[in-house]
Amino acid sequence: MYACNDYLLQLAGLASISDMMIVKGQTRALIQNALRLMNQTHEKHIFSLATDRELNETSIGFQVVPKLNAIGRLSNLANANNVVRYFLAQDDESIFSRLHRSIRFVNNYRIRCKKQL
């Protein structure tokens, strides 16, 4: 297990990329450091939602973020608090796996709905 601050930096980087705003200054440095850590540690919560094995702003923005946002968009299918529980499930593999499956299920449902439009 790596330091808590490293994990929090990765989450801050994920949140900053998710914000979809122009990135400059300290935010740019935060994202660059977070991506470096993500690619060094292969943090399971983030990497399990991505298909790329090396993450950058684009892969986070187009592979990870939509899966997390789907929970908020389709809150009638899943409790948005489960995303928080997902990222807090450090040592309990059964909780992590259950929540991971739930996130993927809701995102796949979102994709199917989008295709029907």
PDB file of N, CA and C in Angstrom:
ATOM      1  N   MET A   1       0.848  -1.180   0.000  1.00  0.00           N
ATOM      2  CA  MET A   1       0.000   0.000   0.000  1.00  0.00           C
ATOM      3  C   MET A   1       0.892   1.240   0.000  1.00  0.00           C
ATOM      4  N   TYR A   2       0.524   2.236  -0.731  1.00  0.00           N
ATOM      5  CA  TYR A   2       1.294   3.451  -0.810  1.00  0.00           C
ATOM      6  C   TYR A   2       0.702   4.473   0.141  1.00  0.00           C
ATOM      7  N   ALA A   3       1.402   5.564   0.311  1.00  0.00           N
ATOM      8  CA  ALA A   3       1.006   6.587   1.273  1.00  0.00           C
ATOM      9  C   ALA A   3      -0.357   7.178   0.937  1.00  0.00           C
ATOM     10  N   CYS A   4      -1.083   7.528   1.977  1.00  0.00           N
ATOM     11  CA  CYS A   4      -2.405   8.133   1.825  1.00  0.00           C
ATOM     12  C   CYS A   4      -2.323   9.405   0.989  1.00  0.00           C
ATOM     13  N   ASN A   5      -1.292  10.205   1.179  1.00  0.00           N
ATOM     14  CA  ASN A   5      -1.164  11.442   0.410  1.00  0.00           C
ATOM     15  C   ASN A   5      -1.027  11.169  -1.084  1.00  0.00           C
ATOM     16  N   ASP A   6      -0.351  10.071  -1.438  1.00  0.00           N
ATOM     17  CA  ASP A   6      -0.234   9.701  -2.855  1.00  0.00           C
ATOM     18  C   ASP A   6      -1.601   9.360  -3.431  1.00  0.00           C
ATOM     19  N   TYR A   7      -2.399   8.646  -2.666  1.00  0.00           N
ATOM     20  CA  TYR A   7      -3.743   8.273  -3.120  1.00  0.00           C
ATOM     21  C   TYR A   7      -4.607   9.523  -3.264  1.00  0.00           C
ATOM     22  N   LEU A   8      -4.537  10.416  -2.306  1.00  0.00           N
ATOM     23  CA  LEU A   8      -5.322  11.647  -2.369  1.00  0.00           C
ATOM     24  C   LEU A   8      -4.893  12.515  -3.547  1.00  0.00           C
ATOM     25  N   LEU A   9      -3.597  12.540  -3.848  1.00  0.00           N
ATOM     26  CA  LEU A   9      -3.118  13.289  -5.007  1.00  0.00           C
ATOM     27  C   LEU A   9      -3.699  12.705  -6.294  1.00  0.00           C
ATOM     28  N   GLN A  10      -3.761  11.386  -6.382  1.00  0.00           N
ATOM     29  CA  GLN A  10      -4.342  10.754  -7.570  1.00  0.00           C
ATOM     30  C   GLN A  10      -5.827  11.091  -7.702  1.00  0.00           C
ATOM     31  N   LEU A  11      -6.544  11.090  -6.594  1.00  0.00           N
ATOM     32  CA  LEU A  11      -7.965  11.457  -6.635  1.00  0.00           C
ATOM     33  C   LEU A  11      -8.140  12.924  -7.007  1.00  0.00           C
ATOM     34  N   ALA A  12      -7.260  13.784  -6.503  1.00  0.00           N
ATOM     35  CA  ALA A  12      -7.331  15.206  -6.860  1.00  0.00           C
ATOM     36  C   ALA A  12      -7.052  15.394  -8.348  1.00  0.00           C
ATOM     37  N   GLY A  13      -6.114  14.624  -8.884  1.00  0.00           N
ATOM     38  CA  GLY A  13      -5.833  14.681 -10.313  1.00  0.00           C
ATOM     39  C   GLY A  13      -7.013  14.199 -11.139  1.00  0.00           C
ATOM     40  N   LEU A  14      -7.627  13.112 -10.703  1.00  0.00           N
ATOM     41  CA  LEU A  14      -8.819  12.595 -11.377  1.00  0.00           C
ATOM     42  C   LEU A  14      -9.930  13.644 -11.364  1.00  0.00           C
ATOM     43  N   ALA A  15     -10.148  14.264 -10.218  1.00  0.00           N
ATOM     44  CA  ALA A  15     -11.192  15.296 -10.108  1.00  0.00           C
ATOM     45  C   ALA A  15     -10.869  16.502 -10.978  1.00  0.00           C
ATOM     46  N   SER A  16      -9.616  16.897 -11.031  1.00  0.00           N
ATOM     47  CA  SER A  16      -9.223  18.055 -11.841  1.00  0.00           C
ATOM     48  C   SER A  16      -9.422  17.781 -13.327  1.00  0.00           C
ATOM     49  N   ILE A  17      -9.076  16.577 -13.760  1.00  0.00           N
ATOM     50  CA  ILE A  17      -9.295  16.211 -15.161  1.00  0.00           C
ATOM     51  C   ILE A  17     -10.797  16.158 -15.442  1.00  0.00           C
ATOM     52  N   SER A  18     -11.558  15.645 -14.511  1.00  0.00           N
ATOM     53  CA  SER A  18     -13.014  15.525 -14.667  1.00  0.00           C
ATOM     54  C   SER A  18     -13.697  16.869 -14.804  1.00  0.00           C
ATOM     55  N   ASP A  19     -13.083  17.905 -14.282  1.00  0.00           N
ATOM     56  CA  ASP A  19     -13.678  19.241 -14.279  1.00  0.00           C
ATOM     57  C   ASP A  19     -13.817  19.815 -15.681  1.00  0.00           C
ATOM     58  N   MET A  20     -13.023  19.331 -16.628  1.00  0.00           N
ATOM     59  CA  MET A  20     -13.109  19.744 -18.034  1.00  0.00           C
ATOM     60  C   MET A  20     -12.929  21.252 -18.231  1.00  0.00           C
ATOM     61  N   MET A  21     -12.105  21.854 -17.438  1.00  0.00           N
ATOM     62  CA  MET A  21     -11.806  23.277 -17.570  1.00  0.00           C
ATOM     63  C   MET A  21     -10.382  23.435 -18.107  1.00  0.00           C
ATOM     64  N   ILE A  22     -10.061  24.632 -18.540  1.00  0.00           N
ATOM     65  CA  ILE A  22      -8.701  24.932 -18.983  1.00  0.00           C
ATOM     66  C   ILE A  22      -7.762  24.708 -17.804  1.00  0.00           C
ATOM     67  N   VAL A  23      -6.663  24.014 -18.067  1.00  0.00           N
ATOM     68  CA  VAL A  23      -5.719  23.653 -17.010  1.00  0.00           C
ATOM     69  C   VAL A  23      -4.451  24.474 -17.169  1.00  0.00           C
ATOM     70  N   LYS A  24      -4.059  25.144 -16.088  1.00  0.00           N
ATOM     71  CA  LYS A  24      -2.808  25.897 -16.112  1.00  0.00           C
ATOM     72  C   LYS A  24      -2.256  26.002 -14.699  1.00  0.00           C
ATOM     73  N   GLY A  25      -1.016  26.422 -14.600  1.00  0.00           N
ATOM     74  CA  GLY A  25      -0.384  26.681 -13.315  1.00  0.00           C
ATOM     75  C   GLY A  25      -0.350  25.485 -12.390  1.00  0.00           C
ATOM     76  N   GLN A  26      -0.786  25.714 -11.150  1.00  0.00           N
ATOM     77  CA  GLN A  26      -0.717  24.676 -10.126  1.00  0.00           C
ATOM     78  C   GLN A  26      -1.589  23.467 -10.456  1.00  0.00           C
ATOM     79  N   THR A  27      -2.698  23.709 -11.125  1.00  0.00           N
ATOM     80  CA  THR A  27      -3.561  22.588 -11.496  1.00  0.00           C
ATOM     81  C   THR A  27      -2.855  21.695 -12.501  1.00  0.00           C
ATOM     82  N   ARG A  28      -2.129  22.280 -13.439  1.00  0.00           N
ATOM     83  CA  ARG A  28      -1.349  21.505 -14.412  1.00  0.00           C
ATOM     84  C   ARG A  28      -0.324  20.648 -13.679  1.00  0.00           C
ATOM     85  N   ALA A  29       0.372  21.230 -12.712  1.00  0.00           N
ATOM     86  CA  ALA A  29       1.377  20.486 -11.946  1.00  0.00           C
ATOM     87  C   ALA A  29       0.725  19.365 -11.139  1.00  0.00           C
ATOM     88  N   LEU A  30      -0.418  19.640 -10.551  1.00  0.00           N
ATOM     89  CA  LEU A  30      -1.141  18.627  -9.782  1.00  0.00           C
ATOM     90  C   LEU A  30      -1.508  17.446 -10.679  1.00  0.00           C
ATOM     91  N   ILE A  31      -2.060  17.735 -11.857  1.00  0.00           N
ATOM     92  CA  ILE A  31      -2.463  16.676 -12.786  1.00  0.00           C
ATOM     93  C   ILE A  31      -1.249  15.884 -13.259  1.00  0.00           C
ATOM     94  N   GLN A  32      -0.167  16.561 -13.596  1.00  0.00           N
ATOM     95  CA  GLN A  32       1.028  15.854 -14.060  1.00  0.00           C
ATOM     96  C   GLN A  32       1.577  14.928 -12.983  1.00  0.00           C
ATOM     97  N   ASN A  33       1.627  15.406 -11.739  1.00  0.00           N
ATOM     98  CA  ASN A  33       2.108  14.562 -10.638  1.00  0.00           C
ATOM     99  C   ASN A  33       1.151  13.405 -10.367  1.00  0.00           C
ATOM    100  N   ALA A  34      -0.141  13.667 -10.448  1.00  0.00           N
ATOM    101  CA  ALA A  34      -1.135  12.608 -10.231  1.00  0.00           C
ATOM    102  C   ALA A  34      -1.010  11.530 -11.309  1.00  0.00           C
ATOM    103  N   LEU A  35      -0.870  11.939 -12.573  1.00  0.00           N
ATOM    104  CA  LEU A  35      -0.729  10.967 -13.657  1.00  0.00           C
ATOM    105  C   LEU A  35       0.549  10.147 -13.502  1.00  0.00           C
ATOM    106  N   ARG A  36       1.617  10.793 -13.089  1.00  0.00           N
ATOM    107  CA  ARG A  36       2.874  10.074 -12.856  1.00  0.00           C
ATOM    108  C   ARG A  36       2.658   8.994 -11.789  1.00  0.00           C
ATOM    109  N   LEU A  37       1.999   9.359 -10.688  1.00  0.00           N
ATOM    110  CA  LEU A  37       1.725   8.390  -9.626  1.00  0.00           C
ATOM    111  C   LEU A  37       0.776   7.289 -10.088  1.00  0.00           C
ATOM    112  N   MET A  38      -0.266   7.674 -10.818  1.00  0.00           N
ATOM    113  CA  MET A  38      -1.207   6.665 -11.319  1.00  0.00           C
ATOM    114  C   MET A  38      -0.478   5.617 -12.144  1.00  0.00           C
ATOM    115  N   ASN A  39       0.404   6.061 -13.014  1.00  0.00           N
ATOM    116  CA  ASN A  39       1.118   5.138 -13.892  1.00  0.00           C
ATOM    117  C   ASN A  39       2.197   4.352 -13.156  1.00  0.00           C
ATOM    118  N   GLN A  40       2.692   4.867 -12.039  1.00  0.00           N
ATOM    119  CA  GLN A  40       3.666   4.131 -11.234  1.00  0.00           C
ATOM    120  C   GLN A  40       2.991   3.076 -10.365  1.00  0.00           C
ATOM    121  N   THR A  41       1.878   3.460  -9.738  1.00  0.00           N
ATOM    122  CA  THR A  41       1.236   2.571  -8.760  1.00  0.00           C
ATOM    123  C   THR A  41       0.164   1.678  -9.370  1.00  0.00           C
ATOM    124  N   HIS A  42      -0.337   2.049 -10.547  1.00  0.00           N
ATOM    125  CA  HIS A  42      -1.460   1.344 -11.179  1.00  0.00           C
ATOM    126  C   HIS A  42      -2.604   1.181 -10.181  1.00  0.00           C
ATOM    127  N   GLU A  43      -2.969   2.289  -9.592  1.00  0.00           N
ATOM    128  CA  GLU A  43      -4.015   2.328  -8.566  1.00  0.00           C
ATOM    129  C   GLU A  43      -5.276   1.630  -9.080  1.00  0.00           C
ATOM    130  N   LYS A  44      -5.725   0.609  -8.343  1.00  0.00           N
ATOM    131  CA  LYS A  44      -6.764  -0.298  -8.856  1.00  0.00           C
ATOM    132  C   LYS A  44      -8.098   0.387  -9.109  1.00  0.00           C
ATOM    133  N   HIS A  45      -8.473   1.359  -8.299  1.00  0.00           N
ATOM    134  CA  HIS A  45      -9.772   2.013  -8.477  1.00  0.00           C
ATOM    135  C   HIS A  45      -9.846   2.759  -9.805  1.00  0.00           C
ATOM    136  N   ILE A  46      -8.756   3.367 -10.192  1.00  0.00           N
ATOM    137  CA  ILE A  46      -8.720   4.145 -11.430  1.00  0.00           C
ATOM    138  C   ILE A  46      -8.434   3.237 -12.622  1.00  0.00           C
ATOM    139  N   PHE A  47      -7.407   2.394 -12.507  1.00  0.00           N
ATOM    140  CA  PHE A  47      -7.014   1.553 -13.638  1.00  0.00           C
ATOM    141  C   PHE A  47      -8.077   0.530 -14.011  1.00  0.00           C
ATOM    142  N   SER A  48      -8.861   0.080 -13.055  1.00  0.00           N
ATOM    143  CA  SER A  48      -9.881  -0.920 -13.377  1.00  0.00           C
ATOM    144  C   SER A  48     -11.022  -0.329 -14.204  1.00  0.00           C
ATOM    145  N   LEU A  49     -11.121   0.994 -14.240  1.00  0.00           N
ATOM    146  CA  LEU A  49     -12.139   1.658 -15.049  1.00  0.00           C
ATOM    147  C   LEU A  49     -11.608   2.091 -16.416  1.00  0.00           C
ATOM    148  N   ALA A  50     -10.325   1.893 -16.648  1.00  0.00           N
ATOM    149  CA  ALA A  50      -9.695   2.305 -17.906  1.00  0.00           C
ATOM    150  C   ALA A  50      -9.352   1.080 -18.746  1.00  0.00           C
ATOM    151  N   THR A  51      -9.235   1.292 -20.048  1.00  0.00           N
ATOM    152  CA  THR A  51      -8.767   0.214 -20.921  1.00  0.00           C
ATOM    153  C   THR A  51      -7.291   0.390 -21.259  1.00  0.00           C
ATOM    154  N   ASP A  52      -6.806   1.628 -21.261  1.00  0.00           N
ATOM    155  CA  ASP A  52      -5.385   1.877 -21.519  1.00  0.00           C
ATOM    156  C   ASP A  52      -4.564   1.427 -20.314  1.00  0.00           C
ATOM    157  N   ARG A  53      -3.367   0.980 -20.577  1.00  0.00           N
ATOM    158  CA  ARG A  53      -2.476   0.564 -19.492  1.00  0.00           C
ATOM    159  C   ARG A  53      -1.524   1.676 -19.085  1.00  0.00           C
ATOM    160  N   GLU A  54      -1.525   2.774 -19.817  1.00  0.00           N
ATOM    161  CA  GLU A  54      -0.806   3.978 -19.405  1.00  0.00           C
ATOM    162  C   GLU A  54      -1.796   5.119 -19.543  1.00  0.00           C
ATOM    163  N   LEU A  55      -2.009   5.804 -18.431  1.00  0.00           N
ATOM    164  CA  LEU A  55      -3.050   6.826 -18.400  1.00  0.00           C
ATOM    165  C   LEU A  55      -2.498   8.213 -18.680  1.00  0.00           C
ATOM    166  N   ASN A  56      -3.328   9.013 -19.351  1.00  0.00           N
ATOM    167  CA  ASN A  56      -3.048  10.425 -19.574  1.00  0.00           C
ATOM    168  C   ASN A  56      -4.372  11.162 -19.422  1.00  0.00           C
ATOM    169  N   GLU A  57      -4.375  12.464 -19.658  1.00  0.00           N
ATOM    170  CA  GLU A  57      -5.606  13.242 -19.484  1.00  0.00           C
ATOM    171  C   GLU A  57      -6.729  12.744 -20.388  1.00  0.00           C
ATOM    172  N   THR A  58      -6.391  12.347 -21.587  1.00  0.00           N
ATOM    173  CA  THR A  58      -7.408  11.880 -22.532  1.00  0.00           C
ATOM    174  C   THR A  58      -8.009  10.550 -22.078  1.00  0.00           C
ATOM    175  N   SER A  59      -7.171   9.608 -21.686  1.00  0.00           N
ATOM    176  CA  SER A  59      -7.706   8.311 -21.270  1.00  0.00           C
ATOM    177  C   SER A  59      -8.538   8.440 -19.996  1.00  0.00           C
ATOM    178  N   ILE A  60      -8.134   9.302 -19.083  1.00  0.00           N
ATOM    179  CA  ILE A  60      -8.947   9.541 -17.881  1.00  0.00           C
ATOM    180  C   ILE A  60     -10.275  10.177 -18.294  1.00  0.00           C
ATOM    181  N   GLY A  61     -10.204  11.200 -19.132  1.00  0.00           N
ATOM    182  CA  GLY A  61     -11.390  11.948 -19.516  1.00  0.00           C
ATOM    183  C   GLY A  61     -12.388  11.160 -20.337  1.00  0.00           C
ATOM    184  N   PHE A  62     -11.912  10.199 -21.130  1.00  0.00           N
ATOM    185  CA  PHE A  62     -12.820   9.457 -22.008  1.00  0.00           C
ATOM    186  C   PHE A  62     -13.071   8.009 -21.592  1.00  0.00           C
ATOM    187  N   GLN A  63     -12.278   7.489 -20.666  1.00  0.00           N
ATOM    188  CA  GLN A  63     -12.471   6.100 -20.240  1.00  0.00           C
ATOM    189  C   GLN A  63     -12.954   5.992 -18.795  1.00  0.00           C
ATOM    190  N   VAL A  64     -12.417   6.801 -17.922  1.00  0.00           N
ATOM    191  CA  VAL A  64     -12.739   6.684 -16.493  1.00  0.00           C
ATOM    192  C   VAL A  64     -13.900   7.597 -16.106  1.00  0.00           C
ATOM    193  N   VAL A  65     -13.799   8.860 -16.439  1.00  0.00           N
ATOM    194  CA  VAL A  65     -14.790   9.854 -16.020  1.00  0.00           C
ATOM    195  C   VAL A  65     -16.210   9.512 -16.460  1.00  0.00           C
ATOM    196  N   PRO A  66     -16.446   9.092 -17.700  1.00  0.00           N
ATOM    197  CA  PRO A  66     -17.838   8.772 -18.087  1.00  0.00           C
ATOM    198  C   PRO A  66     -18.466   7.680 -17.231  1.00  0.00           C
ATOM    199  N   LYS A  67     -17.665   6.709 -16.811  1.00  0.00           N
ATOM    200  CA  LYS A  67     -18.195   5.637 -15.963  1.00  0.00           C
ATOM    201  C   LYS A  67     -18.628   6.183 -14.612  1.00  0.00           C
ATOM    202  N   LEU A  68     -17.843   7.092 -14.065  1.00  0.00           N
ATOM    203  CA  LEU A  68     -18.198   7.686 -12.775  1.00  0.00           C
ATOM    204  C   LEU A  68     -19.388   8.632 -12.910  1.00  0.00           C
ATOM    205  N   ASN A  69     -19.405   9.400 -13.975  1.00  0.00           N
ATOM    206  CA  ASN A  69     -20.517  10.335 -14.195  1.00  0.00           C
ATOM    207  C   ASN A  69     -21.832   9.616 -14.448  1.00  0.00           C
ATOM    208  N   ALA A  70     -21.768   8.421 -15.010  1.00  0.00           N
ATOM    209  CA  ALA A  70     -22.991   7.671 -15.285  1.00  0.00           C
ATOM    210  C   ALA A  70     -23.789   7.422 -14.015  1.00  0.00           C
ATOM    211  N   ILE A  71     -23.111   7.216 -12.912  1.00  0.00           N
ATOM    212  CA  ILE A  71     -23.805   6.980 -11.641  1.00  0.00           C
ATOM    213  C   ILE A  71     -24.636   8.198 -11.257  1.00  0.00           C
ATOM    214  N   GLY A  72     -24.095   9.394 -11.443  1.00  0.00           N
ATOM    215  CA  GLY A  72     -24.846  10.610 -11.139  1.00  0.00           C
ATOM    216  C   GLY A  72     -25.974  10.860 -12.119  1.00  0.00           C
ATOM    217  N   ARG A  73     -25.740  10.554 -13.385  1.00  0.00           N
ATOM    218  CA  ARG A  73     -26.771  10.775 -14.406  1.00  0.00           C
ATOM    219  C   ARG A  73     -27.937   9.818 -14.262  1.00  0.00           C
ATOM    220  N   LEU A  74     -27.642   8.609 -13.849  1.00  0.00           N
ATOM    221  CA  LEU A  74     -28.675   7.585 -13.723  1.00  0.00           C
ATOM    222  C   LEU A  74     -28.834   7.197 -12.249  1.00  0.00           C
ATOM    223  N   SER A  75     -29.030   8.203 -11.427  1.00  0.00           N
ATOM    224  CA  SER A  75     -29.082   7.976  -9.978  1.00  0.00           C
ATOM    225  C   SER A  75     -30.265   7.115  -9.558  1.00  0.00           C
ATOM    226  N   ASN A  76     -31.230   6.917 -10.447  1.00  0.00           N
ATOM    227  CA  ASN A  76     -32.328   6.011 -10.126  1.00  0.00           C
ATOM    228  C   ASN A  76     -31.888   4.543 -10.163  1.00  0.00           C
ATOM    229  N   LEU A  77     -30.731   4.270 -10.779  1.00  0.00           N
ATOM    230  CA  LEU A  77     -30.218   2.905 -10.870  1.00  0.00           C
ATOM    231  C   LEU A  77     -29.177   2.580  -9.806  1.00  0.00           C
ATOM    232  N   ALA A  78     -28.513   3.585  -9.292  1.00  0.00           N
ATOM    233  CA  ALA A  78     -27.447   3.353  -8.320  1.00  0.00           C
ATOM    234  C   ALA A  78     -27.308   4.557  -7.407  1.00  0.00           C
ATOM    235  N   ASN A  79     -26.914   4.292  -6.202  1.00  0.00           N
ATOM    236  CA  ASN A  79     -26.695   5.337  -5.213  1.00  0.00           C
ATOM    237  C   ASN A  79     -25.365   6.029  -5.523  1.00  0.00           C
ATOM    238  N   ALA A  80     -25.399   7.327  -5.725  1.00  0.00           N
ATOM    239  CA  ALA A  80     -24.167   8.072  -6.040  1.00  0.00           C
ATOM    240  C   ALA A  80     -23.127   7.955  -4.929  1.00  0.00           C
ATOM    241  N   ASN A  81     -23.568   7.717  -3.705  1.00  0.00           N
ATOM    242  CA  ASN A  81     -22.619   7.529  -2.600  1.00  0.00           C
ATOM    243  C   ASN A  81     -21.759   6.282  -2.797  1.00  0.00           C
ATOM    244  N   ASN A  82     -22.210   5.379  -3.654  1.00  0.00           N
ATOM    245  CA  ASN A  82     -21.409   4.176  -3.910  1.00  0.00           C
ATOM    246  C   ASN A  82     -20.106   4.488  -4.629  1.00  0.00           C
ATOM    247  N   VAL A  83     -20.051   5.599  -5.343  1.00  0.00           N
ATOM    248  CA  VAL A  83     -18.779   5.999  -5.964  1.00  0.00           C
ATOM    249  C   VAL A  83     -17.773   6.341  -4.867  1.00  0.00           C
ATOM    250  N   VAL A  84     -18.227   7.028  -3.837  1.00  0.00           N
ATOM    251  CA  VAL A  84     -17.350   7.333  -2.694  1.00  0.00           C
ATOM    252  C   VAL A  84     -16.929   6.038  -2.014  1.00  0.00           C
ATOM    253  N   ARG A  85     -17.881   5.147  -1.784  1.00  0.00           N
ATOM    254  CA  ARG A  85     -17.558   3.858  -1.157  1.00  0.00           C
ATOM    255  C   ARG A  85     -16.551   3.078  -2.006  1.00  0.00           C
ATOM    256  N   TYR A  86     -16.710   3.154  -3.313  1.00  0.00           N
ATOM    257  CA  TYR A  86     -15.789   2.481  -4.233  1.00  0.00           C
ATOM    258  C   TYR A  86     -14.358   2.955  -4.000  1.00  0.00           C
ATOM    259  N   PHE A  87     -14.179   4.269  -3.926  1.00  0.00           N
ATOM    260  CA  PHE A  87     -12.828   4.804  -3.741  1.00  0.00           C
ATOM    261  C   PHE A  87     -12.311   4.620  -2.313  1.00  0.00           C
ATOM    262  N   LEU A  88     -13.200   4.365  -1.365  1.00  0.00           N
ATOM    263  CA  LEU A  88     -12.767   4.104   0.013  1.00  0.00           C
ATOM    264  C   LEU A  88     -12.494   2.626   0.270  1.00  0.00           C
ATOM    265  N   ALA A  89     -12.936   1.751  -0.615  1.00  0.00           N
ATOM    266  CA  ALA A  89     -12.768   0.305  -0.435  1.00  0.00           C
ATOM    267  C   ALA A  89     -11.322  -0.080  -0.713  1.00  0.00           C
ATOM    268  N   GLN A  90     -10.470   0.139   0.252  1.00  0.00           N
ATOM    269  CA  GLN A  90      -9.040  -0.142   0.080  1.00  0.00           C
ATOM    270  C   GLN A  90      -8.689  -1.590   0.354  1.00  0.00           C
ATOM    271  N   ASP A  91      -9.226  -2.140   1.432  1.00  0.00           N
ATOM    272  CA  ASP A  91      -8.799  -3.467   1.863  1.00  0.00           C
ATOM    273  C   ASP A  91      -9.861  -4.544   1.690  1.00  0.00           C
ATOM    274  N   ASP A  92     -11.071  -4.159   1.390  1.00  0.00           N
ATOM    275  CA  ASP A  92     -12.154  -5.126   1.250  1.00  0.00           C
ATOM    276  C   ASP A  92     -12.414  -5.394  -0.230  1.00  0.00           C
ATOM    277  N   GLU A  93     -11.841  -6.476  -0.727  1.00  0.00           N
ATOM    278  CA  GLU A  93     -11.931  -6.796  -2.155  1.00  0.00           C
ATOM    279  C   GLU A  93     -13.367  -7.098  -2.584  1.00  0.00           C
ATOM    280  N   SER A  94     -14.169  -7.650  -1.694  1.00  0.00           N
ATOM    281  CA  SER A  94     -15.549  -7.978  -2.074  1.00  0.00           C
ATOM    282  C   SER A  94     -16.369  -6.705  -2.294  1.00  0.00           C
ATOM    283  N   ILE A  95     -16.182  -5.701  -1.454  1.00  0.00           N
ATOM    284  CA  ILE A  95     -16.884  -4.424  -1.638  1.00  0.00           C
ATOM    285  C   ILE A  95     -16.388  -3.750  -2.911  1.00  0.00           C
ATOM    286  N   PHE A  96     -15.082  -3.719  -3.094  1.00  0.00           N
ATOM    287  CA  PHE A  96     -14.509  -3.125  -4.303  1.00  0.00           C
ATOM    288  C   PHE A  96     -15.088  -3.790  -5.558  1.00  0.00           C
ATOM    289  N   SER A  97     -15.093  -5.107  -5.593  1.00  0.00           N
ATOM    290  CA  SER A  97     -15.578  -5.834  -6.775  1.00  0.00           C
ATOM    291  C   SER A  97     -17.061  -5.581  -7.022  1.00  0.00           C
ATOM    292  N   ARG A  98     -17.857  -5.595  -5.967  1.00  0.00           N
ATOM    293  CA  ARG A  98     -19.299  -5.372  -6.118  1.00  0.00           C
ATOM    294  C   ARG A  98     -19.571  -3.980  -6.659  1.00  0.00           C
ATOM    295  N   LEU A  99     -18.910  -2.976  -6.108  1.00  0.00           N
ATOM    296  CA  LEU A  99     -19.128  -1.604  -6.548  1.00  0.00           C
ATOM    297  C   LEU A  99     -18.572  -1.376  -7.953  1.00  0.00           C
ATOM    298  N   HIS A 100     -17.460  -2.016  -8.263  1.00  0.00           N
ATOM    299  CA  HIS A 100     -16.882  -1.909  -9.607  1.00  0.00           C
ATOM    300  C   HIS A 100     -17.859  -2.464 -10.639  1.00  0.00           C
ATOM    301  N   ARG A 101     -18.444  -3.613 -10.358  1.00  0.00           N
ATOM    302  CA  ARG A 101     -19.435  -4.203 -11.267  1.00  0.00           C
ATOM    303  C   ARG A 101     -20.647  -3.279 -11.421  1.00  0.00           C
ATOM    304  N   SER A 102     -21.063  -2.671 -10.327  1.00  0.00           N
ATOM    305  CA  SER A 102     -22.214  -1.754 -10.363  1.00  0.00           C
ATOM    306  C   SER A 102     -21.921  -0.540 -11.241  1.00  0.00           C
ATOM    307  N   ILE A 103     -20.742   0.038 -11.101  1.00  0.00           N
ATOM    308  CA  ILE A 103     -20.357   1.193 -11.913  1.00  0.00           C
ATOM    309  C   ILE A 103     -20.337   0.813 -13.388  1.00  0.00           C
ATOM    310  N   ARG A 104     -19.746  -0.318 -13.707  1.00  0.00           N
ATOM    311  CA  ARG A 104     -19.693  -0.768 -15.107  1.00  0.00           C
ATOM    312  C   ARG A 104     -21.091  -1.066 -15.654  1.00  0.00           C
ATOM    313  N   PHE A 105     -21.956  -1.681 -14.832  1.00  0.00           N
ATOM    314  CA  PHE A 105     -23.320  -1.991 -15.260  1.00  0.00           C
ATOM    315  C   PHE A 105     -24.081  -0.718 -15.612  1.00  0.00           C
ATOM    316  N   VAL A 106     -24.023   0.275 -14.741  1.00  0.00           N
ATOM    317  CA  VAL A 106     -24.745   1.532 -14.983  1.00  0.00           C
ATOM    318  C   VAL A 106     -24.185   2.230 -16.219  1.00  0.00           C
ATOM    319  N   ASN A 107     -22.868   2.223 -16.381  1.00  0.00           N
ATOM    320  CA  ASN A 107     -22.284   2.853 -17.561  1.00  0.00           C
ATOM    321  C   ASN A 107     -22.695   2.127 -18.841  1.00  0.00           C
ATOM    322  N   ASN A 108     -22.703   0.808 -18.818  1.00  0.00           N
ATOM    323  CA  ASN A 108     -23.140   0.050 -19.997  1.00  0.00           C
ATOM    324  C   ASN A 108     -24.601   0.340 -20.318  1.00  0.00           C
ATOM    325  N   TYR A 109     -25.422   0.492 -19.301  1.00  0.00           N
ATOM    326  CA  TYR A 109     -26.823   0.858 -19.503  1.00  0.00           C
ATOM    327  C   TYR A 109     -26.925   2.245 -20.144  1.00  0.00           C
ATOM    328  N   ARG A 110     -26.087   3.185 -19.669  1.00  0.00           N
ATOM    329  CA  ARG A 110     -26.050   4.538 -20.250  1.00  0.00           C
ATOM    330  C   ARG A 110     -25.697   4.470 -21.725  1.00  0.00           C
ATOM    331  N   ILE A 111     -24.737   3.661 -22.061  1.00  0.00           N
ATOM    332  CA  ILE A 111     -24.313   3.523 -23.459  1.00  0.00           C
ATOM    333  C   ILE A 111     -25.449   2.953 -24.304  1.00  0.00           C
ATOM    334  N   ARG A 112     -26.134   1.934 -23.801  1.00  0.00           N
ATOM    335  CA  ARG A 112     -27.256   1.343 -24.541  1.00  0.00           C
ATOM    336  C   ARG A 112     -28.368   2.375 -24.751  1.00  0.00           C
ATOM    337  N   CYS A 113     -28.666   3.157 -23.726  1.00  0.00           N
ATOM    338  CA  CYS A 113     -29.710   4.185 -23.836  1.00  0.00           C
ATOM    339  C   CYS A 113     -29.320   5.236 -24.875  1.00  0.00           C
ATOM    340  N   LYS A 114     -28.058   5.633 -24.858  1.00  0.00           N
ATOM    341  CA  LYS A 114     -27.572   6.637 -25.797  1.00  0.00           C
ATOM    342  C   LYS A 114     -27.697   6.151 -27.237  1.00  0.00           C
ATOM    343  N   LYS A 115     -27.413   4.882 -27.460  1.00  0.00           N
ATOM    344  CA  LYS A 115     -27.501   4.311 -28.809  1.00  0.00           C
ATOM    345  C   LYS A 115     -28.943   4.263 -29.298  1.00  0.00           C
ATOM    346  N   GLN A 116     -29.894   4.165 -28.391  1.00  0.00           N
ATOM    347  CA  GLN A 116     -31.304   4.093 -28.768  1.00  0.00           C
ATOM    348  C   GLN A 116     -31.890   5.452 -29.144  1.00  0.00           C
ATOM    349  N   LEU A 117     -31.197   6.515 -28.774  1.00  0.00           N
ATOM    350  CA  LEU A 117     -31.701   7.868 -29.067  1.00  0.00           C
ATOM    351  C   LEU A 117     -31.567   8.232 -30.520  1.00  0.00           C
TER     352      LEU A 117
END
